[in-house]
Amino acid sequence: MDFIPYPAIDLKGGQVVRLKRGDMNEATVYGDPATQARAFDAAGFPWLHVVDLDGAFAGRPANAEAVRGILSATTRPVQLGGGIRDMATVEAWLEAGIARVILGSAAAKNPDFAREACRAFPGKVAIGIDARDGFVATEGWAETGTLTALDLGLMLEDAGAAAVIHTDIDRDGMLGGVNVAATAALAERLSTPVIASGGVAGRADLDALRATGTIAGVIIGRALYDGRLTAGEALGG
């Protein structure tokens, strides 16, 4: 299994930011999205991972101009999440050039919609499973329910999603180490490829994820921006 590192570009107010545990009041600003996309492209990353944070809270796209700027700045495929709640939005982003959309809150609250989208656009829809203490969180991580990450993953096993992106919210942006055990446990139960997210602090985290042999990739944010991890190390060099 190829292990793919996805550098993250999180968008708030048209700028690149990193949050701590998804808290919009704990944002560090890193600058222009298109400039960052060009830098990740030049470094050799095979994919870019983009999240419209404002859109996740609003329930509709809120940083469309910034996303279009990223698409014009890179030749790499881009996966996008945040505020994608209906088929029209899925179609619009795919037509705009997004390679893969990520359904998070929409998948948790309306699994039938997630299945419909996956079947309508094979290989172009991923499921975002964002968990706090193992339970799925929605609406930009503002709400946590009683559904577990594994429950949701198994519920959507038949959807044919391109990937499941598993985020440990309590570790996200904290540089405290990725939750390898929880992500590997999910990957072992699902046939859908699972991508880890949240808490990557350095190369040791990537080595641990690769060593499982079951995890398909990892999303890397603050560790890259703060220089704790070089692009070469993230790419396995």
Protein backbone atom coordinates (compact mmCIF):
# COMPACT_ATOMS: atom_id res chain seq x y z
CA MET A 1 0.00 0.00 0.00
CA ASP A 2 1.34 3.44 -0.97
CA PHE A 3 1.50 5.79 2.01
CA ILE A 4 0.58 9.34 0.94
CA PRO A 5 1.41 12.48 2.97
CA TYR A 6 -1.17 15.24 2.48
CA PRO A 7 -0.03 18.76 3.46
CA ALA A 8 -2.94 20.71 4.90
CA ILE A 9 -4.14 24.15 3.88
CA ASP A 10 -6.86 25.25 6.29
CA LEU A 11 -8.77 28.38 5.27
CA LYS A 12 -10.28 31.05 7.52
CA GLY A 13 -11.19 34.47 6.23
CA GLY A 14 -9.36 33.80 2.98
CA GLN A 15 -6.06 33.05 4.70
CA VAL A 16 -4.11 29.93 5.64
CA VAL A 17 -4.45 29.19 9.35
CA ARG A 18 -3.82 26.39 11.80
CA LEU A 19 -6.17 25.82 14.73
CA LYS A 20 -5.71 24.07 18.06
CA ARG A 21 -8.31 21.33 18.61
CA GLY A 22 -10.52 22.98 15.98
CA ASP A 23 -11.01 26.14 18.07
CA MET A 24 -11.61 29.07 15.70
CA ASN A 25 -10.39 31.43 18.43
CA GLU A 26 -7.04 29.62 18.52
CA ALA A 27 -5.91 30.39 14.98
CA THR A 28 -2.35 31.06 13.85
CA VAL A 29 -2.26 32.82 10.47
CA TYR A 30 0.29 31.64 7.90
CA GLY A 31 -0.57 33.75 4.86
CA ASP A 32 -1.74 33.41 1.29
CA PRO A 33 -3.37 30.12 0.18
CA ALA A 34 -2.14 30.19 -3.44
CA THR A 35 1.43 30.90 -2.33
CA GLN A 36 1.29 27.99 0.10
CA ALA A 37 -0.15 25.70 -2.57
CA ARG A 38 2.70 26.57 -4.92
CA ALA A 39 5.22 25.83 -2.18
CA PHE A 40 3.74 22.39 -1.43
CA ASP A 41 3.53 21.66 -5.16
CA ALA A 42 7.19 22.60 -5.68
CA ALA A 43 8.21 20.44 -2.70
CA GLY A 44 6.82 17.39 -4.48
CA PHE A 45 3.75 16.51 -2.43
CA PRO A 46 1.46 14.32 -4.57
CA TRP A 47 -1.80 15.73 -3.12
CA LEU A 48 -2.99 18.83 -1.27
CA HIS A 49 -5.58 18.69 1.53
CA VAL A 50 -7.72 21.83 1.84
CA VAL A 51 -10.38 22.61 4.46
CA ASP A 52 -12.81 25.53 4.35
CA LEU A 53 -13.05 26.09 8.11
CA ASP A 54 -15.59 28.89 7.84
CA GLY A 55 -17.63 26.67 5.54
CA ALA A 56 -17.60 23.84 8.07
CA PHE A 57 -19.26 26.11 10.62
CA ALA A 58 -21.59 27.83 8.16
CA GLY A 59 -22.70 24.63 6.43
CA ARG A 60 -21.91 26.05 2.99
CA PRO A 61 -18.76 27.10 1.10
CA ALA A 62 -17.26 30.29 2.54
CA ASN A 63 -13.75 30.48 1.04
CA ALA A 64 -14.50 29.75 -2.59
CA GLU A 65 -12.18 32.46 -3.92
CA ALA A 66 -9.26 31.12 -1.89
CA VAL A 67 -9.97 27.57 -3.07
CA ARG A 68 -10.04 28.71 -6.68
CA GLY A 69 -6.73 30.47 -6.09
CA ILE A 70 -5.24 27.20 -4.84
CA LEU A 71 -6.55 25.32 -7.87
CA SER A 72 -4.97 27.85 -10.21
CA ALA A 73 -1.65 27.69 -8.36
CA THR A 74 -1.03 23.94 -8.36
CA THR A 75 -0.89 21.03 -10.75
CA ARG A 76 -1.47 18.56 -7.91
CA PRO A 77 -4.85 16.98 -7.16
CA VAL A 78 -6.67 18.74 -4.34
CA GLN A 79 -9.09 17.19 -1.84
CA LEU A 80 -11.48 19.64 -0.19
CA GLY A 81 -13.68 19.52 2.89
CA GLY A 82 -15.79 22.00 4.81
CA GLY A 83 -19.36 23.08 4.14
CA ILE A 84 -20.16 20.43 1.52
CA ARG A 85 -23.66 19.37 2.50
CA ASP A 86 -25.57 18.68 -0.73
CA MET A 87 -25.17 17.15 -4.17
CA ALA A 88 -25.15 20.52 -5.92
CA THR A 89 -22.10 21.61 -3.92
CA VAL A 90 -20.36 18.29 -4.58
CA GLU A 91 -20.95 18.69 -8.31
CA ALA A 92 -19.90 22.35 -8.34
CA TRP A 93 -16.56 21.66 -6.66
CA LEU A 94 -15.77 18.68 -8.86
CA GLU A 95 -16.59 20.74 -11.94
CA ALA A 96 -14.33 23.52 -10.62
CA GLY A 97 -11.39 21.12 -10.59
CA ILE A 98 -11.39 19.62 -7.10
CA ALA A 99 -10.20 16.01 -7.41
CA ARG A 100 -11.94 14.70 -4.29
CA VAL A 101 -14.53 16.21 -1.97
CA ILE A 102 -14.69 15.30 1.71
CA LEU A 103 -18.06 14.79 3.40
CA GLY A 104 -17.86 15.18 7.17
CA SER A 105 -20.93 16.47 9.00
CA ALA A 106 -23.10 15.57 6.01
CA ALA A 107 -21.95 11.95 6.10
CA ALA A 108 -22.57 11.64 9.84
CA LYS A 109 -26.01 13.24 9.72
CA ASN A 110 -27.19 11.89 6.37
CA PRO A 111 -25.45 8.62 5.45
CA ASP A 112 -27.83 8.10 2.52
CA PHE A 113 -26.57 11.34 0.94
CA ALA A 114 -22.98 10.18 1.43
CA ARG A 115 -23.75 6.88 -0.29
CA GLU A 116 -25.48 8.69 -3.15
CA ALA A 117 -22.50 11.01 -3.66
CA CYS A 118 -19.98 8.17 -3.54
CA ARG A 119 -21.92 6.17 -6.11
CA ALA A 120 -22.53 9.16 -8.38
CA PHE A 121 -18.84 10.12 -8.38
CA PRO A 122 -16.70 6.99 -7.93
CA GLY A 123 -13.25 7.72 -6.55
CA LYS A 124 -14.06 11.39 -5.99
CA VAL A 125 -15.69 11.37 -2.53
CA ALA A 126 -13.99 10.78 0.82
CA ILE A 127 -15.66 10.48 4.22
CA GLY A 128 -14.30 12.62 7.04
CA ILE A 129 -14.72 10.98 10.43
CA ASP A 130 -13.81 13.52 13.09
CA ALA A 131 -13.78 12.02 16.59
CA ARG A 132 -13.52 13.36 20.12
CA ASP A 133 -12.86 10.56 22.64
CA GLY A 134 -13.94 8.12 19.92
CA PHE A 135 -17.30 9.81 19.24
CA VAL A 136 -18.13 11.56 15.97
CA ALA A 137 -18.19 15.38 16.05
CA THR A 138 -19.95 17.55 13.48
CA GLU A 139 -20.61 21.21 12.55
CA GLY A 140 -16.95 22.22 12.53
CA TRP A 141 -16.41 19.95 15.56
CA ALA A 142 -18.80 22.08 17.63
CA GLU A 143 -21.21 19.18 18.28
CA THR A 144 -20.38 15.68 19.53
CA GLY A 145 -22.97 12.90 19.38
CA THR A 146 -23.27 9.28 20.48
CA LEU A 147 -22.12 7.69 17.20
CA THR A 148 -18.62 6.22 17.36
CA ALA A 149 -16.03 6.59 14.61
CA LEU A 150 -16.13 2.84 13.99
CA ASP A 151 -19.95 2.84 13.86
CA LEU A 152 -19.91 5.51 11.16
CA GLY A 153 -17.11 3.80 9.25
CA LEU A 154 -18.94 0.48 9.20
CA MET A 155 -22.23 2.18 8.34
CA LEU A 156 -20.65 3.62 5.19
CA GLU A 157 -18.53 0.61 4.21
CA ASP A 158 -20.89 -0.13 1.34
CA ALA A 159 -20.76 3.43 -0.02
CA GLY A 160 -17.61 2.94 -2.06
CA ALA A 161 -15.82 6.01 -0.70
CA ALA A 162 -12.35 6.76 -2.03
CA ALA A 163 -11.02 7.08 1.53
CA VAL A 164 -11.92 7.66 5.16
CA ILE A 165 -10.09 10.52 6.86
CA HIS A 166 -9.92 9.89 10.61
CA THR A 167 -9.17 12.96 12.73
CA ASP A 168 -8.52 12.85 16.46
CA ILE A 169 -9.83 16.29 17.42
CA ASP A 170 -8.14 16.48 20.81
CA ARG A 171 -4.77 16.05 19.13
CA ASP A 172 -5.36 18.29 16.14
CA GLY A 173 -2.93 21.20 15.98
CA MET A 174 -1.40 20.27 19.33
CA LEU A 175 1.81 18.57 18.09
CA GLY A 176 1.32 15.92 20.76
CA GLY A 177 1.63 12.89 18.52
CA VAL A 178 -0.83 11.23 16.19
CA ASN A 179 -3.30 8.64 17.51
CA VAL A 180 -1.78 5.67 15.71
CA ALA A 181 -3.66 3.04 17.72
CA ALA A 182 -7.16 4.42 17.08
CA THR A 183 -6.47 5.02 13.39
CA ALA A 184 -4.95 1.57 12.90
CA ALA A 185 -7.88 -0.05 14.72
CA LEU A 186 -10.27 1.68 12.33
CA ALA A 187 -8.18 0.75 9.28
CA GLU A 188 -8.11 -2.90 10.33
CA ARG A 189 -11.93 -3.02 10.44
CA LEU A 190 -12.60 -1.19 7.17
CA SER A 191 -11.88 -2.13 3.58
CA THR A 192 -11.94 1.58 2.64
CA PRO A 193 -8.45 3.17 2.80
CA VAL A 194 -8.00 5.15 6.03
CA ILE A 195 -5.99 8.38 6.26
CA ALA A 196 -4.76 9.62 9.65
CA SER A 197 -5.14 13.22 10.79
CA GLY A 198 -4.45 15.20 13.93
CA GLY A 199 -1.39 15.65 16.09
CA VAL A 200 1.54 14.87 13.80
CA ALA A 201 4.58 16.26 15.60
CA GLY A 202 7.49 14.92 13.57
CA ARG A 203 9.02 12.11 11.59
CA ALA A 204 8.49 9.51 14.33
CA ASP A 205 4.72 9.84 13.89
CA LEU A 206 4.99 9.20 10.15
CA ASP A 207 7.27 6.22 10.72
CA ALA A 208 4.77 4.75 13.21
CA LEU A 209 1.87 5.21 10.80
CA ARG A 210 3.79 3.68 7.89
CA ALA A 211 4.85 0.75 10.05
CA THR A 212 1.24 -0.33 10.62
CA GLY A 213 0.97 -1.37 6.98
CA THR A 214 -2.77 -0.65 7.13
CA ILE A 215 -2.94 3.16 7.09
CA ALA A 216 -3.04 4.75 3.63
CA GLY A 217 -1.74 8.21 4.42
CA VAL A 218 -1.56 11.14 6.80
CA ILE A 219 -2.59 14.78 6.83
CA ILE A 220 0.16 17.06 8.10
CA GLY A 221 -0.39 20.62 9.25
CA ARG A 222 1.36 22.54 12.00
CA ALA A 223 4.47 20.32 12.02
CA LEU A 224 5.21 21.41 8.44
CA TYR A 225 4.39 25.07 9.03
CA ASP A 226 6.49 25.29 12.19
CA GLY A 227 9.45 23.45 10.68
CA ARG A 228 9.30 20.41 12.94
CA LEU A 229 9.01 18.29 9.82
CA THR A 230 10.61 18.99 6.45
CA ALA A 231 8.93 18.23 3.17
CA GLY A 232 11.65 15.67 2.46
CA GLU A 233 10.99 13.87 5.74
CA ALA A 234 7.24 13.93 5.12
CA LEU A 235 7.78 12.43 1.69
CA GLY A 236 9.86 9.62 3.16
CA GLY A 237 13.31 10.95 2.35
